[in-house]
């Protein structure tokens, strides 16, 4: 009986996670379909729907990644302190914490590099024609 629980708990956790991911994907599909129907209804009534958001319009979260990087760095430092100093595991604990902190540094560097402004493919036109007086 005890061995059965050791097998069923991870299987249930994996199936639950996959089920939740599938449910989230189905909700996203329904929302997309709803937005599409709304746009079609607006067009049928003669209204002009707002333009679809483009990839450059969305903020893909360099600020979010920056925050995640900082959290990961401090979590790694805390883990290093906890494992290395708290449990007297020595360098092994520090190495695990340093690994997590270095992941945070990589996320932070990625957010800094990603926060550069994107080149505009359609630069604004400068009206250099003389104006009539």
N, C-alpha and C. Protein backbone atom coordinates (compact mmCIF):
# COMPACT_ATOMS: atom_id res chain seq x y z
N UNK A 1 0.83 -1.19 0.00
CA UNK A 1 0.00 0.00 0.00
C UNK A 1 0.87 1.25 0.00
N UNK A 2 1.96 1.23 0.76
CA UNK A 2 2.83 2.39 0.84
C UNK A 2 3.55 2.63 -0.48
N UNK A 3 3.93 1.55 -1.17
CA UNK A 3 4.62 1.68 -2.45
C UNK A 3 3.70 2.23 -3.54
N UNK A 4 2.40 1.91 -3.43
CA UNK A 4 1.44 2.40 -4.41
C UNK A 4 1.28 3.91 -4.32
N UNK A 5 1.28 4.44 -3.11
CA UNK A 5 1.16 5.88 -2.92
C UNK A 5 2.38 6.61 -3.47
N UNK A 6 3.56 6.00 -3.34
CA UNK A 6 4.78 6.62 -3.86
C UNK A 6 4.75 6.72 -5.38
N UNK A 7 4.01 5.85 -6.02
CA UNK A 7 3.91 5.88 -7.48
C UNK A 7 2.77 6.79 -7.93
N UNK A 8 1.63 6.74 -7.22
CA UNK A 8 0.46 7.47 -7.66
C UNK A 8 0.56 8.98 -7.44
N UNK A 9 1.24 9.41 -6.40
CA UNK A 9 1.32 10.85 -6.12
C UNK A 9 2.05 11.60 -7.24
N UNK A 10 3.24 11.16 -7.68
CA UNK A 10 3.87 11.89 -8.80
C UNK A 10 3.06 11.81 -10.10
N UNK A 11 2.45 10.67 -10.34
CA UNK A 11 1.64 10.53 -11.56
C UNK A 11 0.45 11.50 -11.50
N UNK A 12 -0.20 11.57 -10.36
CA UNK A 12 -1.34 12.49 -10.20
C UNK A 12 -0.88 13.94 -10.35
N UNK A 13 0.29 14.28 -9.82
CA UNK A 13 0.80 15.64 -9.94
C UNK A 13 1.10 15.98 -11.40
N UNK A 14 1.71 15.06 -12.12
CA UNK A 14 2.03 15.31 -13.53
C UNK A 14 0.75 15.44 -14.34
N UNK A 15 -0.19 14.52 -14.13
CA UNK A 15 -1.45 14.59 -14.87
C UNK A 15 -2.24 15.85 -14.52
N UNK A 16 -2.21 16.25 -13.27
CA UNK A 16 -2.87 17.48 -12.87
C UNK A 16 -2.25 18.70 -13.53
N UNK A 17 -0.92 18.74 -13.60
CA UNK A 17 -0.25 19.85 -14.26
C UNK A 17 -0.56 19.90 -15.74
N UNK A 18 -0.56 18.74 -16.39
CA UNK A 18 -0.89 18.70 -17.81
C UNK A 18 -2.36 19.09 -18.04
N UNK A 19 -3.23 18.64 -17.16
CA UNK A 19 -4.64 19.00 -17.27
C UNK A 19 -4.86 20.49 -17.10
N UNK A 20 -4.15 21.09 -16.16
CA UNK A 20 -4.27 22.53 -15.94
C UNK A 20 -3.75 23.30 -17.15
N UNK A 21 -2.64 22.86 -17.73
CA UNK A 21 -2.09 23.52 -18.92
C UNK A 21 -3.06 23.41 -20.08
N UNK A 22 -3.67 22.24 -20.26
CA UNK A 22 -4.66 22.08 -21.32
C UNK A 22 -5.87 22.96 -21.12
N UNK A 23 -6.32 23.08 -19.89
CA UNK A 23 -7.47 23.94 -19.58
C UNK A 23 -7.13 25.40 -19.87
N UNK A 24 -5.93 25.84 -19.48
CA UNK A 24 -5.52 27.22 -19.73
C UNK A 24 -5.45 27.49 -21.23
N UNK A 25 -4.96 26.52 -22.01
CA UNK A 25 -4.90 26.71 -23.45
C UNK A 25 -6.29 26.80 -24.05
N UNK A 26 -7.24 26.00 -23.56
CA UNK A 26 -8.59 26.06 -24.10
C UNK A 26 -9.26 27.39 -23.77
N UNK A 27 -8.99 27.93 -22.59
CA UNK A 27 -9.52 29.25 -22.22
C UNK A 27 -8.95 30.31 -23.15
N UNK A 28 -7.66 30.23 -23.46
CA UNK A 28 -7.03 31.20 -24.36
C UNK A 28 -7.64 31.13 -25.75
N UNK A 29 -7.92 29.92 -26.23
CA UNK A 29 -8.55 29.76 -27.55
C UNK A 29 -9.94 30.37 -27.55
N UNK A 30 -10.70 30.15 -26.48
CA UNK A 30 -12.05 30.73 -26.39
C UNK A 30 -12.00 32.25 -26.39
N UNK A 31 -11.04 32.82 -25.67
CA UNK A 31 -10.92 34.28 -25.62
C UNK A 31 -10.57 34.83 -27.00
N UNK A 32 -9.65 34.16 -27.70
CA UNK A 32 -9.30 34.60 -29.06
C UNK A 32 -10.51 34.56 -29.97
N UNK A 33 -11.29 33.48 -29.89
CA UNK A 33 -12.47 33.33 -30.71
C UNK A 33 -13.49 34.42 -30.39
N UNK A 34 -13.63 34.76 -29.12
CA UNK A 34 -14.56 35.80 -28.72
C UNK A 34 -14.13 37.16 -29.29
N UNK A 35 -12.84 37.46 -29.22
CA UNK A 35 -12.35 38.71 -29.78
C UNK A 35 -12.55 38.75 -31.28
N UNK A 36 -12.34 37.62 -31.94
CA UNK A 36 -12.53 37.56 -33.38
C UNK A 36 -13.99 37.80 -33.75
N UNK A 37 -14.91 37.18 -33.04
CA UNK A 37 -16.34 37.39 -33.30
C UNK A 37 -16.74 38.83 -33.05
N UNK A 38 -16.16 39.43 -32.01
CA UNK A 38 -16.46 40.82 -31.71
C UNK A 38 -16.01 41.73 -32.85
N UNK A 39 -14.82 41.47 -33.38
CA UNK A 39 -14.32 42.26 -34.52
C UNK A 39 -15.21 42.08 -35.73
N UNK A 40 -15.63 40.83 -36.01
CA UNK A 40 -16.51 40.59 -37.15
C UNK A 40 -17.85 41.32 -36.99
N UNK A 41 -18.39 41.32 -35.78
CA UNK A 41 -19.65 42.01 -35.53
C UNK A 41 -19.50 43.52 -35.75
N UNK A 42 -18.38 44.07 -35.33
CA UNK A 42 -18.14 45.50 -35.54
C UNK A 42 -18.05 45.81 -37.03
N UNK A 43 -17.37 44.95 -37.78
CA UNK A 43 -17.22 45.17 -39.21
C UNK A 43 -18.58 45.06 -39.90
N UNK A 44 -19.41 44.09 -39.50
CA UNK A 44 -20.73 43.93 -40.09
C UNK A 44 -21.63 45.13 -39.82
N UNK A 45 -21.46 45.78 -38.69
CA UNK A 45 -22.27 46.96 -38.35
C UNK A 45 -21.70 48.24 -38.96
N UNK A 46 -20.59 48.13 -39.67
CA UNK A 46 -20.00 49.30 -40.31
C UNK A 46 -19.05 50.08 -39.43
N UNK A 47 -18.75 49.56 -38.28
CA UNK A 47 -17.81 50.23 -37.38
C UNK A 47 -16.39 49.81 -37.73
N UNK A 48 -15.45 50.66 -37.43
CA UNK A 48 -14.05 50.34 -37.66
C UNK A 48 -13.47 49.78 -36.36
N UNK A 49 -13.06 48.52 -36.38
CA UNK A 49 -12.49 47.95 -35.15
C UNK A 49 -11.09 48.52 -34.91
N UNK A 50 -10.67 48.53 -33.67
CA UNK A 50 -9.32 49.01 -33.40
C UNK A 50 -8.29 48.08 -34.05
N UNK A 51 -7.13 48.60 -34.40
CA UNK A 51 -6.13 47.75 -35.04
C UNK A 51 -5.67 46.64 -34.10
N UNK A 52 -5.33 45.51 -34.70
CA UNK A 52 -4.84 44.39 -33.91
C UNK A 52 -3.48 44.74 -33.31
N UNK A 53 -3.24 44.34 -32.09
CA UNK A 53 -1.93 44.63 -31.50
C UNK A 53 -0.84 43.84 -32.21
N UNK A 54 0.25 44.51 -32.45
CA UNK A 54 1.39 43.84 -33.08
C UNK A 54 2.37 43.43 -32.00
N UNK A 55 3.34 42.66 -32.40
CA UNK A 55 4.33 42.18 -31.44
C UNK A 55 5.09 43.33 -30.80
N UNK A 56 5.35 44.39 -31.55
CA UNK A 56 6.10 45.51 -30.99
C UNK A 56 5.24 46.36 -30.06
N UNK A 57 3.88 46.25 -30.20
CA UNK A 57 3.01 47.03 -29.32
C UNK A 57 2.98 46.47 -27.90
N UNK A 58 3.19 45.17 -27.78
CA UNK A 58 3.12 44.55 -26.47
C UNK A 58 4.45 44.72 -25.74
N UNK A 59 4.34 44.87 -24.45
CA UNK A 59 5.55 44.93 -23.63
C UNK A 59 5.87 43.51 -23.21
N UNK A 60 6.96 42.98 -23.74
CA UNK A 60 7.30 41.61 -23.41
C UNK A 60 8.06 41.52 -22.11
N UNK A 61 8.06 42.56 -21.37
CA UNK A 61 8.46 42.48 -19.99
C UNK A 61 9.93 42.52 -19.67
N UNK A 62 10.66 43.49 -20.22
CA UNK A 62 12.03 43.59 -19.75
C UNK A 62 12.02 43.98 -18.27
N UNK A 63 11.00 44.77 -17.87
CA UNK A 63 10.88 45.10 -16.44
C UNK A 63 10.56 43.85 -15.64
N UNK A 64 9.70 42.99 -16.18
CA UNK A 64 9.34 41.76 -15.48
C UNK A 64 10.56 40.86 -15.35
N UNK A 65 11.34 40.74 -16.42
CA UNK A 65 12.54 39.90 -16.35
C UNK A 65 13.57 40.51 -15.41
N UNK A 66 13.65 41.84 -15.38
CA UNK A 66 14.59 42.47 -14.46
C UNK A 66 14.21 42.13 -13.03
N UNK A 67 12.93 42.21 -12.72
CA UNK A 67 12.47 41.85 -11.38
C UNK A 67 12.71 40.39 -11.07
N UNK A 68 12.47 39.53 -12.05
CA UNK A 68 12.70 38.10 -11.86
C UNK A 68 14.18 37.81 -11.63
N UNK A 69 15.03 38.52 -12.36
CA UNK A 69 16.47 38.33 -12.19
C UNK A 69 16.93 38.73 -10.80
N UNK A 70 16.42 39.85 -10.32
CA UNK A 70 16.82 40.31 -8.98
C UNK A 70 16.31 39.34 -7.92
N UNK A 71 15.08 38.86 -8.08
CA UNK A 71 14.54 37.89 -7.13
C UNK A 71 15.38 36.62 -7.14
N UNK A 72 15.76 36.16 -8.33
CA UNK A 72 16.55 34.94 -8.46
C UNK A 72 17.94 35.10 -7.84
N UNK A 73 18.53 36.27 -8.03
CA UNK A 73 19.85 36.52 -7.43
C UNK A 73 19.76 36.42 -5.91
N UNK A 74 18.80 37.11 -5.32
CA UNK A 74 18.70 37.10 -3.87
C UNK A 74 18.24 35.75 -3.33
N UNK A 75 17.42 35.03 -4.11
CA UNK A 75 17.05 33.67 -3.70
C UNK A 75 18.28 32.78 -3.71
N UNK A 76 19.15 32.93 -4.71
CA UNK A 76 20.38 32.15 -4.76
C UNK A 76 21.32 32.48 -3.62
N UNK A 77 21.43 33.77 -3.30
CA UNK A 77 22.28 34.16 -2.17
C UNK A 77 21.72 33.62 -0.86
N UNK A 78 20.39 33.69 -0.72
CA UNK A 78 19.77 33.14 0.49
C UNK A 78 19.95 31.64 0.58
N UNK A 79 19.83 30.96 -0.55
CA UNK A 79 20.01 29.51 -0.58
C UNK A 79 21.46 29.15 -0.24
N UNK A 80 22.40 29.92 -0.76
CA UNK A 80 23.81 29.67 -0.45
C UNK A 80 24.05 29.84 1.04
N UNK A 81 23.49 30.90 1.62
CA UNK A 81 23.66 31.13 3.05
C UNK A 81 23.01 30.02 3.86
N UNK A 82 21.79 29.63 3.45
CA UNK A 82 21.05 28.60 4.18
C UNK A 82 21.77 27.26 4.12
N UNK A 83 22.16 26.83 2.93
CA UNK A 83 22.78 25.51 2.79
C UNK A 83 24.24 25.51 3.25
N UNK A 84 24.96 26.56 2.91
CA UNK A 84 26.39 26.58 3.22
C UNK A 84 26.69 26.84 4.68
N UNK A 85 25.99 27.80 5.24
CA UNK A 85 26.28 28.20 6.61
C UNK A 85 25.34 27.51 7.60
N UNK A 86 24.06 27.45 7.26
CA UNK A 86 23.07 26.94 8.21
C UNK A 86 23.19 25.44 8.46
N UNK A 87 23.49 24.65 7.44
CA UNK A 87 23.54 23.20 7.60
C UNK A 87 24.98 22.67 7.63
N UNK A 88 25.93 23.55 7.67
CA UNK A 88 27.35 23.17 7.68
C UNK A 88 27.70 22.23 6.53
N UNK A 89 27.17 22.53 5.34
CA UNK A 89 27.49 21.72 4.18
C UNK A 89 28.68 22.27 3.42
N UNK A 90 29.15 23.42 3.81
CA UNK A 90 30.36 23.97 3.21
C UNK A 90 30.17 24.42 1.78
N UNK A 91 31.15 24.10 0.96
CA UNK A 91 31.19 24.59 -0.41
C UNK A 91 30.06 24.04 -1.27
N UNK A 92 29.54 22.88 -0.97
CA UNK A 92 28.45 22.32 -1.77
C UNK A 92 27.21 23.22 -1.68
N UNK A 93 26.89 23.68 -0.50
CA UNK A 93 25.75 24.58 -0.33
C UNK A 93 25.97 25.91 -1.01
N UNK A 94 27.19 26.44 -0.91
CA UNK A 94 27.49 27.70 -1.57
C UNK A 94 27.40 27.55 -3.09
N UNK A 95 27.83 26.41 -3.60
CA UNK A 95 27.82 26.19 -5.05
C UNK A 95 26.38 26.14 -5.57
N UNK A 96 25.48 25.50 -4.84
CA UNK A 96 24.08 25.44 -5.27
C UNK A 96 23.47 26.84 -5.28
N UNK A 97 23.70 27.60 -4.24
CA UNK A 97 23.18 28.96 -4.18
C UNK A 97 23.80 29.86 -5.24
N UNK A 98 25.09 29.69 -5.49
CA UNK A 98 25.75 30.49 -6.52
C UNK A 98 25.20 30.16 -7.90
N UNK A 99 24.86 28.90 -8.13
CA UNK A 99 24.26 28.51 -9.41
C UNK A 99 22.94 29.24 -9.63
N UNK A 100 22.08 29.26 -8.62
CA UNK A 100 20.80 29.95 -8.74
C UNK A 100 21.02 31.45 -8.92
N UNK A 101 21.99 32.01 -8.19
CA UNK A 101 22.28 33.44 -8.33
C UNK A 101 22.80 33.76 -9.72
N UNK A 102 23.60 32.89 -10.31
CA UNK A 102 24.11 33.13 -11.66
C UNK A 102 22.99 33.06 -12.69
N UNK A 103 21.99 32.22 -12.47
CA UNK A 103 20.82 32.23 -13.34
C UNK A 103 20.13 33.59 -13.26
N UNK A 104 20.03 34.13 -12.05
CA UNK A 104 19.45 35.46 -11.88
C UNK A 104 20.25 36.54 -12.58
N UNK A 105 21.58 36.43 -12.54
CA UNK A 105 22.43 37.40 -13.24
C UNK A 105 22.17 37.31 -14.75
N UNK A 106 22.04 36.09 -15.27
CA UNK A 106 21.78 35.92 -16.70
C UNK A 106 20.43 36.54 -17.08
N UNK A 107 19.41 36.35 -16.26
CA UNK A 107 18.09 36.94 -16.53
C UNK A 107 18.20 38.46 -16.49
N UNK A 108 18.94 38.99 -15.54
CA UNK A 108 19.12 40.44 -15.41
C UNK A 108 19.83 41.01 -16.63
N UNK A 109 20.89 40.35 -17.09
CA UNK A 109 21.61 40.81 -18.28
C UNK A 109 20.69 40.75 -19.50
N UNK A 110 19.90 39.71 -19.60
CA UNK A 110 18.95 39.58 -20.71
C UNK A 110 17.95 40.72 -20.70
N UNK A 111 17.46 41.10 -19.54
CA UNK A 111 16.49 42.19 -19.47
C UNK A 111 17.13 43.52 -19.85
N UNK A 112 18.38 43.72 -19.48
CA UNK A 112 19.08 44.97 -19.83
C UNK A 112 19.29 45.03 -21.34
N UNK A 113 19.69 43.91 -21.93
CA UNK A 113 19.90 43.90 -23.38
C UNK A 113 18.58 44.03 -24.13
N UNK A 114 17.50 43.52 -23.57
CA UNK A 114 16.21 43.55 -24.23
C UNK A 114 15.55 44.91 -24.11
N UNK A 115 15.97 45.74 -23.18
CA UNK A 115 15.32 47.03 -22.98
C UNK A 115 15.78 48.08 -23.97
N UNK A 116 16.70 47.72 -24.87
CA UNK A 116 17.11 48.66 -25.90
C UNK A 116 15.92 48.97 -26.79
N UNK A 117 15.82 50.20 -27.28
CA UNK A 117 14.68 50.52 -28.15
C UNK A 117 14.79 49.76 -29.47
N UNK A 118 13.63 49.31 -29.96
CA UNK A 118 13.59 48.60 -31.23
C UNK A 118 13.68 49.61 -32.37
N UNK A 119 14.30 49.20 -33.45
CA UNK A 119 14.35 50.06 -34.63
C UNK A 119 12.96 50.09 -35.25
N UNK A 120 12.52 51.28 -35.58
CA UNK A 120 11.21 51.43 -36.19
C UNK A 120 11.35 51.15 -37.68
N UNK A 121 10.56 50.18 -38.19
CA UNK A 121 10.65 49.83 -39.60
C UNK A 121 10.05 50.93 -40.47
N UNK A 122 9.12 51.72 -39.95
CA UNK A 122 8.53 52.84 -40.68
C UNK A 122 8.83 54.14 -39.94
N UNK A 123 10.01 54.73 -40.17
CA UNK A 123 10.32 55.95 -39.43
C UNK A 123 9.38 57.08 -39.85
N UNK A 124 9.10 57.99 -38.94
CA UNK A 124 8.19 59.09 -39.28
C UNK A 124 8.80 59.96 -40.38
N UNK A 125 7.95 60.40 -41.29
CA UNK A 125 8.42 61.24 -42.38
C UNK A 125 8.60 62.65 -41.89
N UNK A 126 9.70 63.25 -42.32
CA UNK A 126 9.90 64.65 -42.00
C UNK A 126 9.40 65.45 -43.20
N UNK A 127 8.54 66.35 -42.92
CA UNK A 127 7.96 67.15 -44.00
C UNK A 127 8.92 68.29 -44.29
N UNK A 128 9.75 68.11 -45.33
CA UNK A 128 10.75 69.12 -45.66
C UNK A 128 10.30 70.05 -46.77
N UNK A 129 9.03 69.88 -47.22
CA UNK A 129 8.57 70.76 -48.28
C UNK A 129 8.25 72.14 -47.69
N UNK A 130 8.56 73.15 -48.44
CA UNK A 130 8.31 74.51 -47.90
C UNK A 130 6.81 74.77 -47.79
N UNK A 131 6.43 75.42 -46.73
CA UNK A 131 5.04 75.76 -46.50
C UNK A 131 4.71 77.07 -47.21
N UNK A 132 3.54 77.13 -47.84
CA UNK A 132 3.19 78.41 -48.48
C UNK A 132 2.89 79.46 -47.44
N UNK A 133 3.30 80.65 -47.74
CA UNK A 133 3.07 81.74 -46.79
C UNK A 133 1.96 82.59 -47.21
